[in-house]
Amino acid sequence: MGYKDYKRGNYGSAAGAGQTRHWGGKFGSGTFTPKKPVRSFRDLEVYQKTLECSVLIDKDILPALEKVKDSRIEELSKNAMAIPLYISEGHSLRFADFGLALGYIEKALSGCNRMSVYLDHIKGTYGDKVKVDLIEDLINRYTVVRGKIFRLEQSWKKFMNQDKENKK
């Protein structure tokens, strides 16, 4: 979903913990569609959304920064890409080394905050030379996905605690 879709009111899923939930067809049809199973990190909504943000940054923000010869281009791109990487690594490690997996998820959370700060600074510095509506959209996306990553972390903790209780 591009930022133009977002502007048109196509907001995508509002489900938590990286999942997609919806109630049937149009609003209020009354049928429930269960969450899709997570078979890999690519099924996580938080991975998909953060990767989407990094692509938008590379395609639309970085070219504008190149024009004004900003020195943070590489740093911005690396930080945007680090978030989906942390999510994928955390997902892979959650059963082998749960503490390390949670550490990667915490890094993804802080990465969302970092990207919001970078984008706010770019907007303030180059507001007339960059797509301000895209930057506002990206800041909003990082804020929303940060909450979803937090809920994913909480669901992993709950699952691991339940698993420990079942093994007793």
C-alpha atoms as a PDB file:
ATOM      1  CA  MET A   1       0.000   0.000   0.000  1.00  0.00           C
ATOM      2  CA  GLY A   2       1.494   3.326  -1.036  1.00  0.00           C
ATOM      3  CA  TYR A   3       0.988   6.569   0.776  1.00  0.00           C
ATOM      4  CA  LYS A   4      -1.540   7.623  -1.871  1.00  0.00           C
ATOM      5  CA  ASP A   5      -3.693   4.608  -0.930  1.00  0.00           C
ATOM      6  CA  TYR A   6      -3.422   5.725   2.674  1.00  0.00           C
ATOM      7  CA  LYS A   7      -4.520   9.233   1.715  1.00  0.00           C
ATOM      8  CA  ARG A   8      -7.564   7.753  -0.034  1.00  0.00           C
ATOM      9  CA  GLY A   9      -8.635   5.968   3.141  1.00  0.00           C
ATOM     10  CA  ASN A  10      -7.299   2.495   2.298  1.00  0.00           C
ATOM     11  CA  TYR A  11      -5.650   1.891   5.671  1.00  0.00           C
ATOM     12  CA  GLY A  12      -5.097  -1.857   5.482  1.00  0.00           C
ATOM     13  CA  SER A  13      -5.417  -4.001   8.558  1.00  0.00           C
ATOM     14  CA  ALA A  14      -5.703  -2.695  12.093  1.00  0.00           C
ATOM     15  CA  ALA A  15      -5.112  -6.101  13.669  1.00  0.00           C
ATOM     16  CA  GLY A  16      -2.478  -6.556  16.328  1.00  0.00           C
ATOM     17  CA  ALA A  17       0.447  -8.907  16.754  1.00  0.00           C
ATOM     18  CA  GLY A  18       1.300  -8.841  13.078  1.00  0.00           C
ATOM     19  CA  GLN A  19      -1.901 -10.520  11.970  1.00  0.00           C
ATOM     20  CA  THR A  20      -4.832  -9.671   9.747  1.00  0.00           C
ATOM     21  CA  ARG A  21      -8.324  -9.943  11.181  1.00  0.00           C
ATOM     22  CA  HIS A  22     -11.516  -8.757   9.633  1.00  0.00           C
ATOM     23  CA  TRP A  23     -15.222  -9.218   9.989  1.00  0.00           C
ATOM     24  CA  GLY A  24     -16.641 -10.515   6.739  1.00  0.00           C
ATOM     25  CA  GLY A  25     -17.376  -8.333   3.712  1.00  0.00           C
ATOM     26  CA  LYS A  26     -18.486  -4.756   4.206  1.00  0.00           C
ATOM     27  CA  PHE A  27     -18.878  -3.343   7.690  1.00  0.00           C
ATOM     28  CA  GLY A  28     -21.060  -5.341  10.036  1.00  0.00           C
ATOM     29  CA  SER A  29     -21.790  -8.400   7.905  1.00  0.00           C
ATOM     30  CA  GLY A  30     -21.290 -10.487  11.052  1.00  0.00           C
ATOM     31  CA  THR A  31     -19.013 -13.238   9.756  1.00  0.00           C
ATOM     32  CA  PHE A  32     -15.602 -13.666  11.301  1.00  0.00           C
ATOM     33  CA  THR A  33     -12.553 -14.657   9.288  1.00  0.00           C
ATOM     34  CA  PRO A  34      -9.898 -16.176  11.565  1.00  0.00           C
ATOM     35  CA  LYS A  35      -6.298 -14.979  11.562  1.00  0.00           C
ATOM     36  CA  LYS A  36      -4.052 -16.410   8.895  1.00  0.00           C
ATOM     37  CA  PRO A  37      -1.458 -18.790  10.357  1.00  0.00           C
ATOM     38  CA  VAL A  38       2.080 -17.477  10.605  1.00  0.00           C
ATOM     39  CA  ARG A  39       4.338 -19.872   8.741  1.00  0.00           C
ATOM     40  CA  SER A  40       7.318 -17.546   8.351  1.00  0.00           C
ATOM     41  CA  PHE A  41       8.385 -14.031   9.266  1.00  0.00           C
ATOM     42  CA  ARG A  42       7.073 -12.913   5.868  1.00  0.00           C
ATOM     43  CA  ASP A  43       3.531 -13.609   7.107  1.00  0.00           C
ATOM     44  CA  LEU A  44       3.896 -11.080   9.924  1.00  0.00           C
ATOM     45  CA  GLU A  45       2.122  -7.829   9.195  1.00  0.00           C
ATOM     46  CA  VAL A  46       4.790  -5.917  11.123  1.00  0.00           C
ATOM     47  CA  TYR A  47       7.457  -7.281   8.781  1.00  0.00           C
ATOM     48  CA  GLN A  48       5.402  -6.405   5.689  1.00  0.00           C
ATOM     49  CA  LYS A  49       4.636  -2.875   6.881  1.00  0.00           C
ATOM     50  CA  THR A  50       8.189  -2.014   7.904  1.00  0.00           C
ATOM     51  CA  LEU A  51       9.594  -3.392   4.658  1.00  0.00           C
ATOM     52  CA  GLU A  52       7.026  -1.304   2.789  1.00  0.00           C
ATOM     53  CA  CYS A  53       8.212   1.799   4.662  1.00  0.00           C
ATOM     54  CA  SER A  54      11.847   1.090   3.818  1.00  0.00           C
ATOM     55  CA  VAL A  55      10.973   0.751   0.130  1.00  0.00           C
ATOM     56  CA  LEU A  56       9.082   4.071   0.162  1.00  0.00           C
ATOM     57  CA  ILE A  57      12.051   5.746   1.837  1.00  0.00           C
ATOM     58  CA  ASP A  58      14.509   4.354  -0.719  1.00  0.00           C
ATOM     59  CA  LYS A  59      12.271   5.233  -3.679  1.00  0.00           C
ATOM     60  CA  ASP A  60      10.847   8.604  -2.649  1.00  0.00           C
ATOM     61  CA  ILE A  61      12.800  10.175   0.224  1.00  0.00           C
ATOM     62  CA  LEU A  62      16.415   9.333  -0.633  1.00  0.00           C
ATOM     63  CA  PRO A  63      16.312  10.861  -4.154  1.00  0.00           C
ATOM     64  CA  ALA A  64      15.140  14.161  -2.641  1.00  0.00           C
ATOM     65  CA  LEU A  65      17.959  14.014  -0.088  1.00  0.00           C
ATOM     66  CA  GLU A  66      20.482  13.317  -2.853  1.00  0.00           C
ATOM     67  CA  LYS A  67      19.386  16.515  -4.601  1.00  0.00           C
ATOM     68  CA  VAL A  68      20.153  18.588  -1.500  1.00  0.00           C
ATOM     69  CA  LYS A  69      23.359  16.612  -0.851  1.00  0.00           C
ATOM     70  CA  ASP A  70      22.334  15.453   2.620  1.00  0.00           C
ATOM     71  CA  SER A  71      24.981  13.315   4.318  1.00  0.00           C
ATOM     72  CA  ARG A  72      22.522  10.940   6.058  1.00  0.00           C
ATOM     73  CA  ILE A  73      21.320   9.079   2.960  1.00  0.00           C
ATOM     74  CA  GLU A  74      23.110   5.811   3.646  1.00  0.00           C
ATOM     75  CA  GLU A  75      22.350   5.959   7.372  1.00  0.00           C
ATOM     76  CA  LEU A  76      18.644   6.553   6.743  1.00  0.00           C
ATOM     77  CA  SER A  77      18.433   3.651   4.292  1.00  0.00           C
ATOM     78  CA  LYS A  78      20.289   1.283   6.651  1.00  0.00           C
ATOM     79  CA  ASN A  79      18.076   2.217   9.609  1.00  0.00           C
ATOM     80  CA  ALA A  80      14.883   1.745   7.598  1.00  0.00           C
ATOM     81  CA  MET A  81      16.031  -1.684   6.424  1.00  0.00           C
ATOM     82  CA  ALA A  82      17.223  -2.714   9.895  1.00  0.00           C
ATOM     83  CA  ILE A  83      13.679  -2.845  11.305  1.00  0.00           C
ATOM     84  CA  PRO A  84      12.323  -5.654   9.074  1.00  0.00           C
ATOM     85  CA  LEU A  85      15.677  -7.410   9.457  1.00  0.00           C
ATOM     86  CA  TYR A  86      15.372  -7.346  13.260  1.00  0.00           C
ATOM     87  CA  ILE A  87      11.819  -8.699  13.017  1.00  0.00           C
ATOM     88  CA  SER A  88      12.916 -11.566  10.750  1.00  0.00           C
ATOM     89  CA  GLU A  89      15.887 -12.439  12.978  1.00  0.00           C
ATOM     90  CA  GLY A  90      13.795 -12.288  16.139  1.00  0.00           C
ATOM     91  CA  HIS A  91      11.171 -14.544  14.597  1.00  0.00           C
ATOM     92  CA  SER A  92      13.844 -17.085  13.666  1.00  0.00           C
ATOM     93  CA  LEU A  93      15.352 -17.163  17.155  1.00  0.00           C
ATOM     94  CA  ARG A  94      12.212 -17.172  19.305  1.00  0.00           C
ATOM     95  CA  PHE A  95      12.408 -20.891  20.117  1.00  0.00           C
ATOM     96  CA  ALA A  96      16.188 -21.341  20.157  1.00  0.00           C
ATOM     97  CA  ASP A  97      17.113 -18.283  22.244  1.00  0.00           C
ATOM     98  CA  PHE A  98      14.001 -16.468  23.427  1.00  0.00           C
ATOM     99  CA  GLY A  99      15.927 -13.731  25.255  1.00  0.00           C
ATOM    100  CA  LEU A 100      17.930 -12.884  22.145  1.00  0.00           C
ATOM    101  CA  ALA A 101      14.750 -12.942  20.034  1.00  0.00           C
ATOM    102  CA  LEU A 102      13.132 -10.422  22.375  1.00  0.00           C
ATOM    103  CA  GLY A 103      16.264  -8.297  22.104  1.00  0.00           C
ATOM    104  CA  TYR A 104      15.819  -8.144  18.331  1.00  0.00           C
ATOM    105  CA  ILE A 105      12.171  -7.177  18.764  1.00  0.00           C
ATOM    106  CA  GLU A 106      13.220  -4.416  21.184  1.00  0.00           C
ATOM    107  CA  LYS A 107      15.698  -3.184  18.561  1.00  0.00           C
ATOM    108  CA  ALA A 108      12.868  -3.101  16.013  1.00  0.00           C
ATOM    109  CA  LEU A 109      10.804  -1.035  18.472  1.00  0.00           C
ATOM    110  CA  SER A 110      13.617   1.460  18.982  1.00  0.00           C
ATOM    111  CA  GLY A 111      14.251   1.491  15.228  1.00  0.00           C
ATOM    112  CA  CYS A 112      10.694   2.705  14.646  1.00  0.00           C
ATOM    113  CA  ASN A 113      11.301   5.553  17.077  1.00  0.00           C
ATOM    114  CA  ARG A 114      14.638   6.342  15.427  1.00  0.00           C
ATOM    115  CA  MET A 115      13.032   6.507  11.979  1.00  0.00           C
ATOM    116  CA  SER A 116      10.340   8.871  13.272  1.00  0.00           C
ATOM    117  CA  VAL A 117      13.046  11.189  14.634  1.00  0.00           C
ATOM    118  CA  TYR A 118      15.020  11.081  11.369  1.00  0.00           C
ATOM    119  CA  LEU A 119      11.907  11.794   9.327  1.00  0.00           C
ATOM    120  CA  ASP A 120      10.823  14.643  11.615  1.00  0.00           C
ATOM    121  CA  HIS A 121      14.275  16.176  11.259  1.00  0.00           C
ATOM    122  CA  ILE A 122      14.234  15.838   7.476  1.00  0.00           C
ATOM    123  CA  LYS A 123      10.795  17.438   7.346  1.00  0.00           C
ATOM    124  CA  GLY A 124      11.980  20.323   9.497  1.00  0.00           C
ATOM    125  CA  THR A 125      15.200  20.804   7.566  1.00  0.00           C
ATOM    126  CA  TYR A 126      13.999  20.314   3.978  1.00  0.00           C
ATOM    127  CA  GLY A 127      10.227  20.810   4.242  1.00  0.00           C
ATOM    128  CA  ASP A 128      10.042  22.675   0.951  1.00  0.00           C
ATOM    129  CA  LYS A 129      12.222  20.154  -0.935  1.00  0.00           C
ATOM    130  CA  VAL A 130      10.700  16.838   0.201  1.00  0.00           C
ATOM    131  CA  LYS A 131       7.242  15.270   0.096  1.00  0.00           C
ATOM    132  CA  VAL A 132       5.952  16.410   3.483  1.00  0.00           C
ATOM    133  CA  ASP A 133       2.726  14.393   3.157  1.00  0.00           C
ATOM    134  CA  LEU A 134       4.769  11.227   2.550  1.00  0.00           C
ATOM    135  CA  ILE A 135       6.984  11.965   5.537  1.00  0.00           C
ATOM    136  CA  GLU A 136       3.935  12.509   7.769  1.00  0.00           C
ATOM    137  CA  ASP A 137       2.457   9.256   6.452  1.00  0.00           C
ATOM    138  CA  LEU A 138       5.689   7.358   7.150  1.00  0.00           C
ATOM    139  CA  ILE A 139       5.922   8.772  10.683  1.00  0.00           C
ATOM    140  CA  ASN A 140       2.342   7.650  11.274  1.00  0.00           C
ATOM    141  CA  ARG A 141       3.074   4.204   9.856  1.00  0.00           C
ATOM    142  CA  TYR A 142       6.120   3.766  12.088  1.00  0.00           C
ATOM    143  CA  THR A 143       4.072   4.858  15.102  1.00  0.00           C
ATOM    144  CA  VAL A 144       1.265   2.407  14.332  1.00  0.00           C
ATOM    145  CA  VAL A 145       3.577  -0.502  13.510  1.00  0.00           C
ATOM    146  CA  ARG A 146       5.557   0.153  16.689  1.00  0.00           C
ATOM    147  CA  GLY A 147       2.416  -0.588  18.688  1.00  0.00           C
ATOM    148  CA  LYS A 148       1.863  -3.755  16.685  1.00  0.00           C
ATOM    149  CA  ILE A 149       5.449  -4.890  17.261  1.00  0.00           C
ATOM    150  CA  PHE A 150       4.938  -4.315  20.984  1.00  0.00           C
ATOM    151  CA  ARG A 151       1.778  -6.460  20.909  1.00  0.00           C
ATOM    152  CA  LEU A 152       3.689  -9.142  18.985  1.00  0.00           C
ATOM    153  CA  GLU A 153       6.341  -9.123  21.703  1.00  0.00           C
ATOM    154  CA  GLN A 154       3.655  -9.446  24.388  1.00  0.00           C
ATOM    155  CA  SER A 155       2.008 -12.362  22.575  1.00  0.00           C
ATOM    156  CA  TRP A 156       5.364 -14.152  22.277  1.00  0.00           C
ATOM    157  CA  LYS A 157       5.940 -13.707  26.012  1.00  0.00           C
ATOM    158  CA  LYS A 158       2.464 -15.000  26.797  1.00  0.00           C
ATOM    159  CA  PHE A 159       2.959 -18.013  24.524  1.00  0.00           C
ATOM    160  CA  MET A 160       6.345 -18.853  26.065  1.00  0.00           C
ATOM    161  CA  ASN A 161       4.938 -18.554  29.599  1.00  0.00           C
ATOM    162  CA  GLN A 162       2.025 -20.838  28.682  1.00  0.00           C
ATOM    163  CA  ASP A 163       4.453 -23.306  27.085  1.00  0.00           C
ATOM    164  CA  LYS A 164       6.549 -23.368  30.297  1.00  0.00           C
ATOM    165  CA  GLU A 165       3.420 -23.988  32.379  1.00  0.00           C
ATOM    166  CA  ASN A 166       2.331 -26.858  30.122  1.00  0.00           C
ATOM    167  CA  LYS A 167       5.741 -28.552  30.448  1.00  0.00           C
ATOM    168  CA  LYS A 168       5.516 -28.636  34.263  1.00  0.00           C
END
